[in-house]
C-alpha cells in the first residue's frame, strides 16, 4: 500500500469513528436521565434550603421519570457540599441546591475556598427567595427606617444581633450601615433564632431577622418591624414597606435558593432541567407550598439567572471588603 493509500485509509477510519461517536453522544444526552439523580443540599436537614430542595426533587422526579435523591452535606457555611458538587462529573447526575451564601457570598468571605462559584458551576434555575425584616425592640424610639437612621446618627450605643458572622442577617446590617452612614455594634449568635430572647429583652436593640422566624413576635407586638430587605413588599407582611422605599433607595437583600450543576454539563441537559423546574414553579400548588415555607417563587431564563449570580457576587464582594469581614 502506498503512503497516500495508507493516509487515506487512516483518514477514512478516523471519519468512520467520528460519525459513530456523535450519534452515541447525542443518544446519551437524549436519554437523560437514565439513572437516579443526586441533589446535594449543603446545609442540614430541616433548613429552608433542605425543604425547598425536597420540593424540587419531588417535582423533577415526577417529570424526569427517575428518582431524585436529596443528600445533605453540611459544614463550613455550605462550602463542603458545594465543593463536592463542583468536583463531580459534569453529566447531570449530581446537582446542587445552592444559596446566596454558597454561590455568591462565600467566595469573598472565606480565605481558603476550594471552589469558584462562577467558574465551577452552571446556573440552572432560580427557584425561590426569602426576605429579612428590619426589627427593633419597642423601646427603641423609631417607627420607621428614617427615624432609626436618625436615632443611630445621634448615638453609638446601639447594637444589632445576627445568627452568625457572614450570614444574610449580618450582611443585611452591614449593607444598611454602609448605605445609611450609620454604625452599630455587631453581636453574633449561633443561629438565626438564637438572638430573639435578648432582642425581646432589649439586651440588643436591632436585628435583620428572617421574616418567618420573627413574624410571630411582630404580630404579638414584642418586636416592631420597620422594613423588609427585599425589593418588593412581602405577602407575609404587606403593610410593612421595603427599606428601599423607606429612605434607602436601591437597598435590596434577599436570600435565594437555586439549582446548579457542575460546569461543562451539556447545554441540552441544563435546558431540560431548567424547563422542568420552570414548569414546576408554574404550578399553583407548588407556589403555595413554597410560600408556606416562608419563601417566594422565583423564575427567569438561565441567562438571566447567570447575570443575577454575577451581580450578587459583585455586590457582596464590595460589602464584605468594605466591612473587612473574613472567615478562615
Protein backbone atom coordinates (compact mmCIF):
# COMPACT_ATOMS: atom_id res chain seq x y z
CA UNK A 1 0.00 0.00 0.00
CA UNK A 2 1.38 3.42 -0.92
CA UNK A 3 1.90 6.17 1.61
CA UNK A 4 -1.01 8.06 0.04
CA UNK A 5 -3.25 5.00 0.28
CA UNK A 6 -2.31 4.38 3.88
CA UNK A 7 -3.01 8.04 4.69
CA UNK A 8 -6.43 7.86 3.05
CA UNK A 9 -7.26 4.65 4.89
CA UNK A 10 -6.33 6.22 8.21
CA UNK A 11 -8.42 9.28 7.43
CA UNK A 12 -11.41 7.11 6.45
CA UNK A 13 -11.12 5.11 9.66
CA UNK A 14 -11.00 8.26 11.77
CA UNK A 15 -14.01 9.70 9.93
CA UNK A 16 -15.97 6.48 10.46
CA UNK A 17 -15.15 6.56 14.18
CA UNK A 18 -16.19 10.21 14.49
CA UNK A 19 -19.50 9.56 12.75
CA UNK A 20 -20.12 6.61 15.05
CA UNK A 21 -19.32 8.57 18.21
CA UNK A 22 -21.53 11.60 17.51
CA UNK A 23 -24.84 9.70 17.46
CA UNK A 24 -23.79 7.83 20.59
CA UNK A 25 -23.06 11.05 22.47
CA UNK A 26 -26.30 12.58 21.23
CA UNK A 27 -28.14 9.47 22.23
CA UNK A 28 -26.75 9.61 25.74
CA UNK A 29 -27.89 13.24 26.12
CA UNK A 30 -31.31 12.46 24.65
CA UNK A 31 -31.74 9.53 27.04
CA UNK A 32 -31.02 11.67 30.10
CA UNK A 33 -31.73 10.75 32.78
CA UNK A 34 -31.21 7.00 32.70
CA UNK A 35 -30.44 6.60 36.41
CA UNK A 36 -31.17 8.35 39.73
CA UNK A 37 -30.05 11.96 40.21
CA UNK A 38 -28.35 13.16 43.38
CA UNK A 39 -29.41 16.60 44.64
CA UNK A 40 -26.92 17.83 47.23
CA UNK A 41 -28.05 20.24 49.96
CA UNK A 42 -25.05 22.00 51.54
CA UNK A 43 -26.94 22.59 54.80
CA UNK A 44 -28.58 20.41 57.43
CA UNK A 45 -31.88 18.58 57.25
CA UNK A 46 -34.85 20.81 58.06
CA UNK A 47 -33.21 24.02 56.83
CA UNK A 48 -35.06 26.22 54.33
CA UNK A 49 -32.62 25.04 51.66
CA UNK A 50 -33.38 21.43 52.53
CA UNK A 51 -37.15 21.92 52.45
CA UNK A 52 -37.03 23.65 49.09
CA UNK A 53 -34.68 21.00 47.70
CA UNK A 54 -37.19 18.30 48.59
CA UNK A 55 -39.88 20.25 46.74
CA UNK A 56 -37.59 20.49 43.70
CA UNK A 57 -36.55 16.85 43.98
CA UNK A 58 -40.10 15.50 44.11
CA UNK A 59 -41.16 17.59 41.12
CA UNK A 60 -38.16 16.69 38.98
CA UNK A 61 -38.52 13.00 39.83
CA UNK A 62 -42.08 13.03 38.50
CA UNK A 63 -41.12 14.99 35.38
CA UNK A 64 -37.93 13.08 34.53
CA UNK A 65 -39.06 9.59 35.45
CA UNK A 66 -36.07 8.90 37.69
CA UNK A 67 -35.61 9.19 41.47
CA UNK A 68 -34.04 12.41 42.72
CA UNK A 69 -32.23 11.63 45.95
CA UNK A 70 -31.73 14.59 48.29
CA UNK A 71 -28.44 14.29 50.17
CA UNK A 72 -27.34 16.65 52.96
CA UNK A 73 -23.64 17.51 53.02
CA UNK A 74 -23.42 20.35 55.53
CA UNK A 75 -20.50 22.16 57.10
CA UNK A 76 -18.23 25.18 56.66
CA UNK A 77 -21.07 27.53 55.79
CA UNK A 78 -22.21 25.30 52.93
CA UNK A 79 -18.76 25.03 51.38
CA UNK A 80 -18.39 21.27 51.88
CA UNK A 81 -21.49 20.37 49.91
CA UNK A 82 -20.88 22.99 47.23
CA UNK A 83 -17.30 21.86 46.79
CA UNK A 84 -18.43 18.26 46.44
CA UNK A 85 -20.76 19.14 43.55
CA UNK A 86 -18.19 21.41 41.92
CA UNK A 87 -15.82 18.42 41.68
CA UNK A 88 -18.48 15.96 40.47
CA UNK A 89 -18.63 14.57 36.94
CA UNK A 90 -20.38 17.00 34.56
CA UNK A 91 -23.03 14.52 33.49
CA UNK A 92 -26.14 15.99 35.11
CA UNK A 93 -26.44 13.28 37.77
CA UNK A 94 -25.07 15.38 40.64
CA UNK A 95 -26.76 18.74 41.26
CA UNK A 96 -26.58 21.41 43.95
CA UNK A 97 -29.40 23.18 45.74
CA UNK A 98 -27.28 26.27 46.18
CA UNK A 99 -27.95 29.51 48.00
CA UNK A 100 -26.80 33.10 48.05
CA UNK A 101 -24.16 32.14 50.60
CA UNK A 102 -22.60 29.22 48.69
CA UNK A 103 -22.76 30.75 45.23
CA UNK A 104 -22.33 34.49 45.76
CA UNK A 105 -21.17 35.44 49.27
CA UNK A 106 -18.69 32.79 50.44
CA UNK A 107 -16.03 33.45 47.76
CA UNK A 108 -15.37 36.85 49.30
CA UNK A 109 -15.91 35.71 52.87
CA UNK A 110 -13.71 32.61 53.17
CA UNK A 111 -9.96 32.76 52.65
CA UNK A 112 -9.48 29.11 51.59
CA UNK A 113 -12.49 28.29 49.44
CA UNK A 114 -11.94 25.14 47.37
CA UNK A 115 -14.26 26.09 44.50
CA UNK A 116 -15.06 29.07 42.29
CA UNK A 117 -18.84 29.58 42.14
CA UNK A 118 -18.65 31.49 38.86
CA UNK A 119 -16.36 29.07 37.03
CA UNK A 120 -17.19 25.70 38.60
CA UNK A 121 -20.99 25.82 38.34
CA UNK A 122 -23.57 26.17 35.60
CA UNK A 123 -26.66 28.08 36.81
CA UNK A 124 -29.80 26.06 36.09
CA UNK A 125 -32.84 27.68 37.73
CA UNK A 126 -33.51 30.38 40.31
CA UNK A 127 -36.10 28.64 42.46
CA UNK A 128 -37.13 30.76 45.46
CA UNK A 129 -36.13 33.63 47.71
CA UNK A 130 -36.72 34.77 51.29
CA UNK A 131 -36.52 38.20 52.80
CA UNK A 132 -35.20 39.52 56.07
CA UNK A 133 -37.08 42.13 58.06
CA UNK A 134 -35.54 45.01 59.99
CA UNK A 135 -36.95 44.82 63.51
CA UNK A 136 -36.28 46.78 66.68
CA UNK A 137 -37.17 46.38 70.31
CA UNK A 138 -40.26 48.52 71.11
CA UNK A 139 -38.17 50.65 73.45
CA UNK A 140 -36.17 51.99 70.50
CA UNK A 141 -37.65 55.37 69.62
CA UNK A 142 -38.09 54.63 65.93
CA UNK A 143 -41.13 53.53 63.99
CA UNK A 144 -39.69 53.89 60.51
CA UNK A 145 -36.40 53.35 58.71
CA UNK A 146 -35.81 57.12 58.52
CA UNK A 147 -36.38 57.50 62.25
CA UNK A 148 -33.99 54.63 63.01
CA UNK A 149 -31.29 56.25 60.88
CA UNK A 150 -31.77 59.49 62.82
CA UNK A 151 -31.53 57.63 66.14
CA UNK A 152 -28.36 55.82 65.11
CA UNK A 153 -26.69 59.02 63.92
CA UNK A 154 -27.25 60.58 67.34
CA UNK A 155 -25.82 57.70 69.37
CA UNK A 156 -23.30 54.89 69.12
CA UNK A 157 -24.87 52.92 71.97
CA UNK A 158 -26.95 50.60 69.79
CA UNK A 159 -26.15 47.01 68.84
CA UNK A 160 -27.56 44.61 66.31
CA UNK A 161 -27.83 40.83 66.52
CA UNK A 162 -27.31 38.22 63.82
CA UNK A 163 -27.31 34.45 63.51
CA UNK A 164 -23.57 34.45 62.86
CA UNK A 165 -20.77 36.24 61.07
CA UNK A 166 -21.11 36.26 57.30
CA UNK A 167 -24.76 35.22 57.14
CA UNK A 168 -27.55 37.14 55.42
CA UNK A 169 -28.60 38.80 58.69
CA UNK A 170 -25.07 40.10 59.29
CA UNK A 171 -24.58 41.28 55.73
CA UNK A 172 -28.04 42.89 55.59
CA UNK A 173 -26.99 45.06 58.52
CA UNK A 174 -23.58 45.86 57.06
CA UNK A 175 -25.15 46.98 53.79
CA UNK A 176 -27.62 49.09 55.78
CA UNK A 177 -24.81 50.70 57.77
CA UNK A 178 -22.85 51.45 54.61
CA UNK A 179 -25.76 52.98 52.71
CA UNK A 180 -27.08 54.98 55.69
CA UNK A 181 -23.67 56.11 57.05
CA UNK A 182 -24.56 54.80 60.50
CA UNK A 183 -22.89 52.44 62.92
CA UNK A 184 -23.95 49.70 65.34
CA UNK A 185 -22.04 47.06 67.27
CA UNK A 186 -22.43 43.55 65.84
CA UNK A 187 -23.40 40.82 68.31
CA UNK A 188 -23.23 37.43 66.51
CA UNK A 189 -25.09 34.37 67.81
CA UNK A 190 -25.02 30.73 66.80
CA UNK A 191 -28.18 30.52 64.71
CA UNK A 192 -30.89 32.67 63.21
CA UNK A 193 -33.37 32.39 66.08
CA UNK A 194 -30.86 32.43 68.95
CA UNK A 195 -30.83 36.25 69.39
CA UNK A 196 -34.61 36.59 69.85
CA UNK A 197 -34.73 36.34 73.68
CA UNK A 198 -32.08 39.06 74.01
CA UNK A 199 -33.75 41.18 71.34
CA UNK A 200 -37.13 40.94 73.04
CA UNK A 201 -35.48 41.75 76.41
CA UNK A 202 -33.72 44.80 74.84
CA UNK A 203 -30.23 43.47 75.54
CA UNK A 204 -29.69 44.04 71.81
CA UNK A 205 -31.84 46.57 70.02
CA UNK A 206 -31.83 45.82 66.28
CA UNK A 207 -31.90 42.78 64.04
CA UNK A 208 -32.31 41.93 60.38
CA UNK A 209 -34.32 38.80 61.07
CA UNK A 210 -35.50 36.04 58.72
CA UNK A 211 -39.14 37.02 58.26
CA UNK A 212 -40.72 33.63 59.02
CA UNK A 213 -38.73 33.44 62.29
CA UNK A 214 -39.69 36.90 63.57
CA UNK A 215 -43.23 37.08 62.20
CA UNK A 216 -44.97 35.71 65.35
CA UNK A 217 -43.15 38.24 67.55
CA UNK A 218 -44.04 41.07 65.18
CA UNK A 219 -47.69 40.05 65.28
CA UNK A 220 -47.64 39.87 69.07
CA UNK A 221 -46.07 43.33 69.41
CA UNK A 222 -42.87 42.10 71.06
CA UNK A 223 -40.88 43.43 68.09
CA UNK A 224 -41.51 46.36 65.74
CA UNK A 225 -41.00 45.82 62.00
CA UNK A 226 -39.60 48.86 60.18
CA UNK A 227 -38.91 47.47 56.70
CA UNK A 228 -38.28 44.35 54.66
CA UNK A 229 -34.98 43.87 52.87
CA UNK A 230 -36.43 42.60 49.59
CA UNK A 231 -37.09 44.78 46.54
CA UNK A 232 -40.85 44.20 46.89
CA UNK A 233 -43.12 44.07 49.91
CA UNK A 234 -43.66 40.63 51.39
CA UNK A 235 -47.09 38.99 51.14
CA UNK A 236 -46.49 37.77 54.69
CA UNK A 237 -46.27 41.37 55.93
CA UNK A 238 -47.80 43.57 53.23
CA UNK A 239 -48.28 46.60 55.47
CA UNK A 240 -44.52 46.91 56.10
CA UNK A 241 -42.65 48.88 53.40
CA UNK A 242 -39.36 47.90 51.83
CA UNK A 243 -36.21 49.54 53.16
CA UNK A 244 -35.63 50.86 49.65
CA UNK A 245 -38.89 52.80 49.63
CA UNK A 246 -38.37 53.94 53.22
CA UNK A 247 -35.29 56.09 52.80
CA UNK A 248 -32.53 53.96 51.27
CA UNK A 249 -33.28 53.74 47.54
CA UNK A 250 -31.66 50.71 45.90
CA UNK A 251 -31.27 48.74 49.11
CA UNK A 252 -32.10 45.09 48.41
CA UNK A 253 -31.15 41.87 50.15
CA UNK A 254 -32.82 38.53 49.51
CA UNK A 255 -31.73 35.09 50.47
CA UNK A 256 -32.18 32.94 47.38
CA UNK A 257 -32.12 29.24 46.64
CA UNK A 258 -31.39 27.80 43.23
CA UNK A 259 -30.44 24.77 41.21
CA UNK A 260 -26.86 24.48 39.95
CA UNK A 261 -24.94 21.83 38.03
CA UNK A 262 -21.19 21.33 37.68
CA UNK A 263 -19.63 23.38 34.91
CA UNK A 264 -19.45 21.71 31.50
CA UNK A 265 -22.71 19.76 31.85
CA UNK A 266 -24.11 19.64 28.28
CA UNK A 267 -26.42 22.53 27.42
CA UNK A 268 -29.19 20.11 26.40
CA UNK A 269 -29.28 18.68 29.94
CA UNK A 270 -29.15 22.12 31.54
CA UNK A 271 -32.01 23.30 29.35
CA UNK A 272 -34.14 20.30 30.22
CA UNK A 273 -33.53 20.70 33.95
CA UNK A 274 -34.38 24.40 33.68
CA UNK A 275 -37.54 23.79 31.65
CA UNK A 276 -38.84 21.12 34.03
CA UNK A 277 -38.11 23.34 37.02
CA UNK A 278 -39.94 26.24 35.33
CA UNK A 279 -42.98 24.00 34.78
CA UNK A 280 -42.82 23.01 38.43
CA UNK A 281 -42.72 26.65 39.56
CA UNK A 282 -45.75 27.45 37.38
CA UNK A 283 -47.97 25.08 39.36
CA UNK A 284 -50.19 26.91 41.88
CA UNK A 285 -49.86 24.11 44.43
CA UNK A 286 -46.06 24.34 44.29
CA UNK A 287 -46.17 28.11 44.66
CA UNK A 288 -48.37 27.70 47.72
CA UNK A 289 -46.00 25.11 49.18
CA UNK A 290 -43.05 27.45 48.71
CA UNK A 291 -44.93 30.29 50.40
CA UNK A 292 -45.84 28.06 53.33
CA UNK A 293 -42.09 27.62 53.80
CA UNK A 294 -41.75 31.40 54.12
CA UNK A 295 -40.29 31.92 50.65
CA UNK A 296 -41.42 33.38 47.34
CA UNK A 297 -41.17 31.56 43.97
CA UNK A 298 -38.60 32.90 41.52
CA UNK A 299 -38.05 32.11 37.84
CA UNK A 300 -36.50 33.50 34.66
CA UNK A 301 -34.19 32.14 31.99
CA UNK A 302 -30.82 30.51 32.58
CA UNK A 303 -29.12 33.54 31.06
CA UNK A 304 -30.97 35.93 33.37
CA UNK A 305 -30.08 33.78 36.35
CA UNK A 306 -26.39 33.73 35.38
CA UNK A 307 -26.36 37.54 35.24
CA UNK A 308 -28.11 37.66 38.61
CA UNK A 309 -25.48 35.42 40.23
CA UNK A 310 -22.68 37.59 38.85
CA UNK A 311 -24.36 40.75 40.17
CA UNK A 312 -24.89 39.20 43.61
CA UNK A 313 -21.25 38.07 43.69
CA UNK A 314 -20.02 41.58 42.86
CA UNK A 315 -22.37 43.31 45.32
CA UNK A 316 -21.39 41.18 48.30
CA UNK A 317 -17.70 41.31 47.45
CA UNK A 318 -17.82 45.07 47.93
CA UNK A 319 -19.87 44.90 51.15
CA UNK A 320 -17.54 42.29 52.64
CA UNK A 321 -14.42 44.18 51.59
CA UNK A 322 -15.72 47.50 52.96
CA UNK A 323 -16.67 45.88 56.28
CA UNK A 324 -13.39 43.91 56.40
CA UNK A 325 -15.14 40.59 57.12
CA UNK A 326 -13.08 37.43 56.67
CA UNK A 327 -13.52 33.83 57.86
CA UNK A 328 -10.54 31.48 57.94
